[in-house]
Amino acid sequence: MQQKYKQIARRQLDATLARFNEVKSMQLPAKGWIRAVREALGMSGKQLAGRLKVSQPRVFKLEQDEPAGALTLKTMRQVAEALDCVFVYALVPRSSLEETVKRQAKVLAAERLQRVSHTMLLEAQGLSSKEQQASIDAAIEELVRETPKDLWDMKP
């Protein structure tokens, strides 16, 4: 994907994912969503089993496995359908995709500047702290704009 389209796609996805911000702080019901919804509907385990065409002990197992994260997405979709629900799956960034890229760009820019600064110091051409900050800011902007292939090679 061309660089300018990466930024546009990232911003569009950020706008879409912003709708999920409230979900980030939502707590999973103690006994899981399946049991919470089933009980709120007044549906028995036996009735859910009938809708899923499985045994009642299987429903019990599903309700045990869900809070532990041991169910597949396919199974969650099937159970949601049987409960007349829609299963929603999303990866919601802690901040925004744009901020995540900027943070990573800052890590890479600082590492690159450190190597260059060391070489310049050896040659008695060191930058002032103001010049260093301007240099790192420019590098961050360029990295965010260009998103080079090695952007994610370093851990923050």
C-alpha atoms as a PDB file:
ATOM      1  CA  MET A   1       0.000   0.000   0.000  1.00  0.00           C
ATOM      2  CA  GLN A   2       1.340   3.443  -0.881  1.00  0.00           C
ATOM      3  CA  GLN A   3       2.451   5.589   2.056  1.00  0.00           C
ATOM      4  CA  LYS A   4      -0.214   8.304   1.705  1.00  0.00           C
ATOM      5  CA  TYR A   5      -2.920   5.640   1.621  1.00  0.00           C
ATOM      6  CA  LYS A   6      -1.545   4.018   4.793  1.00  0.00           C
ATOM      7  CA  GLN A   7      -2.082   7.251   6.708  1.00  0.00           C
ATOM      8  CA  ILE A   8      -5.582   7.687   5.284  1.00  0.00           C
ATOM      9  CA  ALA A   9      -6.481   4.071   6.096  1.00  0.00           C
ATOM     10  CA  ARG A  10      -5.079   4.468   9.625  1.00  0.00           C
ATOM     11  CA  ARG A  11      -7.119   7.624  10.225  1.00  0.00           C
ATOM     12  CA  GLN A  12     -10.292   6.043   8.845  1.00  0.00           C
ATOM     13  CA  LEU A  13      -9.831   2.960  11.013  1.00  0.00           C
ATOM     14  CA  ASP A  14      -9.133   5.183  14.037  1.00  0.00           C
ATOM     15  CA  ALA A  15     -12.457   6.940  13.436  1.00  0.00           C
ATOM     16  CA  THR A  16     -14.276   3.609  13.204  1.00  0.00           C
ATOM     17  CA  LEU A  17     -12.569   2.159  16.289  1.00  0.00           C
ATOM     18  CA  ALA A  18     -13.236   5.310  18.332  1.00  0.00           C
ATOM     19  CA  ARG A  19     -16.840   4.094  18.588  1.00  0.00           C
ATOM     20  CA  PHE A  20     -15.562   1.203  20.718  1.00  0.00           C
ATOM     21  CA  ASN A  21     -13.806   3.390  23.321  1.00  0.00           C
ATOM     22  CA  GLU A  22     -16.499   2.767  25.941  1.00  0.00           C
ATOM     23  CA  VAL A  23     -16.074  -0.987  25.518  1.00  0.00           C
ATOM     24  CA  LYS A  24     -12.456  -0.848  26.706  1.00  0.00           C
ATOM     25  CA  SER A  25     -13.506  -0.216  30.303  1.00  0.00           C
ATOM     26  CA  MET A  26     -16.411  -2.672  30.253  1.00  0.00           C
ATOM     27  CA  GLN A  27     -15.989  -5.624  32.571  1.00  0.00           C
ATOM     28  CA  LEU A  28     -16.833  -9.175  31.545  1.00  0.00           C
ATOM     29  CA  PRO A  29     -19.704 -10.500  33.684  1.00  0.00           C
ATOM     30  CA  ALA A  30     -18.247 -12.754  36.391  1.00  0.00           C
ATOM     31  CA  LYS A  31     -19.864 -15.859  34.897  1.00  0.00           C
ATOM     32  CA  GLY A  32     -19.419 -14.749  31.276  1.00  0.00           C
ATOM     33  CA  TRP A  33     -21.647 -13.206  28.634  1.00  0.00           C
ATOM     34  CA  ILE A  34     -23.310 -16.453  27.577  1.00  0.00           C
ATOM     35  CA  ARG A  35     -24.671 -17.220  31.014  1.00  0.00           C
ATOM     36  CA  ALA A  36     -25.506 -13.570  31.766  1.00  0.00           C
ATOM     37  CA  VAL A  37     -27.546 -13.196  28.569  1.00  0.00           C
ATOM     38  CA  ARG A  38     -29.137 -16.639  28.855  1.00  0.00           C
ATOM     39  CA  GLU A  39     -30.254 -15.948  32.427  1.00  0.00           C
ATOM     40  CA  ALA A  40     -31.434 -12.418  31.579  1.00  0.00           C
ATOM     41  CA  LEU A  41     -33.596 -13.932  28.834  1.00  0.00           C
ATOM     42  CA  GLY A  42     -34.995 -16.466  31.299  1.00  0.00           C
ATOM     43  CA  MET A  43     -33.694 -19.309  29.151  1.00  0.00           C
ATOM     44  CA  SER A  44     -32.583 -22.557  30.786  1.00  0.00           C
ATOM     45  CA  GLY A  45     -29.396 -24.386  29.914  1.00  0.00           C
ATOM     46  CA  LYS A  46     -31.545 -27.166  28.484  1.00  0.00           C
ATOM     47  CA  GLN A  47     -33.375 -24.704  26.224  1.00  0.00           C
ATOM     48  CA  LEU A  48     -30.116 -23.191  24.966  1.00  0.00           C
ATOM     49  CA  ALA A  49     -28.799 -26.708  24.360  1.00  0.00           C
ATOM     50  CA  GLY A  50     -31.865 -27.422  22.230  1.00  0.00           C
ATOM     51  CA  ARG A  51     -31.326 -24.267  20.179  1.00  0.00           C
ATOM     52  CA  LEU A  52     -27.657 -25.164  19.668  1.00  0.00           C
ATOM     53  CA  LYS A  53     -28.455 -28.842  19.023  1.00  0.00           C
ATOM     54  CA  VAL A  54     -25.986 -29.916  21.719  1.00  0.00           C
ATOM     55  CA  SER A  55     -26.322 -31.602  25.109  1.00  0.00           C
ATOM     56  CA  GLN A  56     -27.071 -29.690  28.283  1.00  0.00           C
ATOM     57  CA  PRO A  57     -23.643 -30.582  29.753  1.00  0.00           C
ATOM     58  CA  ARG A  58     -22.088 -29.006  26.622  1.00  0.00           C
ATOM     59  CA  VAL A  59     -23.850 -25.704  27.419  1.00  0.00           C
ATOM     60  CA  PHE A  60     -22.514 -25.924  30.968  1.00  0.00           C
ATOM     61  CA  LYS A  61     -19.011 -26.463  29.537  1.00  0.00           C
ATOM     62  CA  LEU A  62     -19.423 -23.517  27.130  1.00  0.00           C
ATOM     63  CA  GLU A  63     -20.421 -21.284  30.037  1.00  0.00           C
ATOM     64  CA  GLN A  64     -17.374 -22.444  32.012  1.00  0.00           C
ATOM     65  CA  ASP A  65     -14.951 -22.019  29.106  1.00  0.00           C
ATOM     66  CA  GLU A  66     -16.079 -18.579  27.945  1.00  0.00           C
ATOM     67  CA  PRO A  67     -14.728 -16.459  30.868  1.00  0.00           C
ATOM     68  CA  ALA A  68     -11.409 -18.294  30.517  1.00  0.00           C
ATOM     69  CA  GLY A  69     -11.218 -17.321  26.824  1.00  0.00           C
ATOM     70  CA  ALA A  70     -11.261 -20.956  25.761  1.00  0.00           C
ATOM     71  CA  LEU A  71     -14.005 -20.721  23.114  1.00  0.00           C
ATOM     72  CA  THR A  72     -13.429 -20.206  19.405  1.00  0.00           C
ATOM     73  CA  LEU A  73     -14.872 -17.235  17.584  1.00  0.00           C
ATOM     74  CA  LYS A  74     -17.006 -19.651  15.581  1.00  0.00           C
ATOM     75  CA  THR A  75     -18.527 -21.106  18.755  1.00  0.00           C
ATOM     76  CA  MET A  76     -19.186 -17.632  20.170  1.00  0.00           C
ATOM     77  CA  ARG A  77     -20.974 -16.677  16.924  1.00  0.00           C
ATOM     78  CA  GLN A  78     -23.116 -19.829  17.104  1.00  0.00           C
ATOM     79  CA  VAL A  79     -24.065 -19.241  20.736  1.00  0.00           C
ATOM     80  CA  ALA A  80     -24.815 -15.576  20.058  1.00  0.00           C
ATOM     81  CA  GLU A  81     -27.099 -16.583  17.196  1.00  0.00           C
ATOM     82  CA  ALA A  82     -28.914 -19.092  19.433  1.00  0.00           C
ATOM     83  CA  LEU A  83     -29.438 -16.279  21.972  1.00  0.00           C
ATOM     84  CA  ASP A  84     -30.668 -13.906  19.223  1.00  0.00           C
ATOM     85  CA  CYS A  85     -27.571 -11.775  19.700  1.00  0.00           C
ATOM     86  CA  VAL A  86     -24.785 -10.522  17.484  1.00  0.00           C
ATOM     87  CA  PHE A  87     -21.257 -11.548  18.423  1.00  0.00           C
ATOM     88  CA  VAL A  88     -18.945  -8.525  18.212  1.00  0.00           C
ATOM     89  CA  TYR A  89     -15.185  -8.964  17.856  1.00  0.00           C
ATOM     90  CA  ALA A  90     -12.738  -6.083  17.633  1.00  0.00           C
ATOM     91  CA  LEU A  91      -9.202  -5.040  18.455  1.00  0.00           C
ATOM     92  CA  VAL A  92      -9.544  -1.665  20.170  1.00  0.00           C
ATOM     93  CA  PRO A  93      -6.335   0.383  20.476  1.00  0.00           C
ATOM     94  CA  ARG A  94      -5.482   1.666  23.952  1.00  0.00           C
ATOM     95  CA  SER A  95      -5.060   5.182  22.532  1.00  0.00           C
ATOM     96  CA  SER A  96      -5.327   5.450  18.739  1.00  0.00           C
ATOM     97  CA  LEU A  97      -3.519   3.821  15.849  1.00  0.00           C
ATOM     98  CA  GLU A  98      -2.008   7.201  14.999  1.00  0.00           C
ATOM     99  CA  GLU A  99      -0.681   7.634  18.558  1.00  0.00           C
ATOM    100  CA  THR A 100       0.665   4.071  18.564  1.00  0.00           C
ATOM    101  CA  VAL A 101       2.583   4.756  15.342  1.00  0.00           C
ATOM    102  CA  LYS A 102       3.890   8.064  16.768  1.00  0.00           C
ATOM    103  CA  ARG A 103       5.113   6.342  19.941  1.00  0.00           C
ATOM    104  CA  GLN A 104       6.925   3.692  17.917  1.00  0.00           C
ATOM    105  CA  ALA A 105       8.349   6.337  15.581  1.00  0.00           C
ATOM    106  CA  LYS A 106       9.688   8.182  18.631  1.00  0.00           C
ATOM    107  CA  VAL A 107      11.481   5.011  19.801  1.00  0.00           C
ATOM    108  CA  LEU A 108      13.059   4.454  16.393  1.00  0.00           C
ATOM    109  CA  ALA A 109      13.929   8.141  15.904  1.00  0.00           C
ATOM    110  CA  ALA A 110      15.597   8.324  19.335  1.00  0.00           C
ATOM    111  CA  GLU A 111      17.639   5.197  18.608  1.00  0.00           C
ATOM    112  CA  ARG A 112      18.738   6.539  15.227  1.00  0.00           C
ATOM    113  CA  LEU A 113      19.551   9.968  16.654  1.00  0.00           C
ATOM    114  CA  GLN A 114      21.580   8.378  19.445  1.00  0.00           C
ATOM    115  CA  ARG A 115      23.781   6.570  16.905  1.00  0.00           C
ATOM    116  CA  VAL A 116      24.234   9.719  14.822  1.00  0.00           C
ATOM    117  CA  SER A 117      24.871  11.899  17.898  1.00  0.00           C
ATOM    118  CA  HIS A 118      27.565   9.534  19.125  1.00  0.00           C
ATOM    119  CA  THR A 119      29.342   9.713  15.775  1.00  0.00           C
ATOM    120  CA  MET A 120      28.986  13.506  15.649  1.00  0.00           C
ATOM    121  CA  LEU A 121      30.350  13.830  19.194  1.00  0.00           C
ATOM    122  CA  LEU A 122      33.414  11.826  18.202  1.00  0.00           C
ATOM    123  CA  GLU A 123      33.895  14.299  15.381  1.00  0.00           C
ATOM    124  CA  ALA A 124      33.280  17.286  17.716  1.00  0.00           C
ATOM    125  CA  GLN A 125      30.062  18.200  15.874  1.00  0.00           C
ATOM    126  CA  GLY A 126      27.546  17.617  18.693  1.00  0.00           C
ATOM    127  CA  LEU A 127      24.044  19.125  18.564  1.00  0.00           C
ATOM    128  CA  SER A 128      22.586  21.354  21.245  1.00  0.00           C
ATOM    129  CA  SER A 129      19.599  19.943  23.135  1.00  0.00           C
ATOM    130  CA  LYS A 130      17.312  22.287  21.177  1.00  0.00           C
ATOM    131  CA  GLU A 131      18.777  21.047  17.884  1.00  0.00           C
ATOM    132  CA  GLN A 132      18.461  17.443  19.057  1.00  0.00           C
ATOM    133  CA  GLN A 133      14.780  17.943  19.898  1.00  0.00           C
ATOM    134  CA  ALA A 134      14.099  19.586  16.536  1.00  0.00           C
ATOM    135  CA  SER A 135      15.922  16.749  14.819  1.00  0.00           C
ATOM    136  CA  ILE A 136      13.976  14.061  16.667  1.00  0.00           C
ATOM    137  CA  ASP A 137      10.650  15.830  16.015  1.00  0.00           C
ATOM    138  CA  ALA A 138      11.414  15.989  12.294  1.00  0.00           C
ATOM    139  CA  ALA A 139      12.433  12.325  12.283  1.00  0.00           C
ATOM    140  CA  ILE A 140       9.198  11.325  14.059  1.00  0.00           C
ATOM    141  CA  GLU A 141       7.102  13.241  11.529  1.00  0.00           C
ATOM    142  CA  GLU A 142       8.917  11.564   8.658  1.00  0.00           C
ATOM    143  CA  LEU A 143       8.599   8.091  10.184  1.00  0.00           C
ATOM    144  CA  VAL A 144       4.872   8.556  10.811  1.00  0.00           C
ATOM    145  CA  ARG A 145       4.374   9.802   7.271  1.00  0.00           C
ATOM    146  CA  GLU A 146       6.521   7.143   5.605  1.00  0.00           C
ATOM    147  CA  THR A 147       5.969   4.180   7.988  1.00  0.00           C
ATOM    148  CA  PRO A 148       9.120   2.330   6.892  1.00  0.00           C
ATOM    149  CA  LYS A 149       9.262  -1.461   6.980  1.00  0.00           C
ATOM    150  CA  ASP A 150      11.639  -1.433   9.979  1.00  0.00           C
ATOM    151  CA  LEU A 151       9.348   0.776  12.122  1.00  0.00           C
ATOM    152  CA  TRP A 152       8.167  -2.190  14.178  1.00  0.00           C
ATOM    153  CA  ASP A 153      11.484  -4.055  14.408  1.00  0.00           C
ATOM    154  CA  MET A 154      12.363  -2.423  17.747  1.00  0.00           C
ATOM    155  CA  LYS A 155      10.414  -2.949  20.954  1.00  0.00           C
ATOM    156  CA  PRO A 156       9.510   0.195  22.894  1.00  0.00           C
END
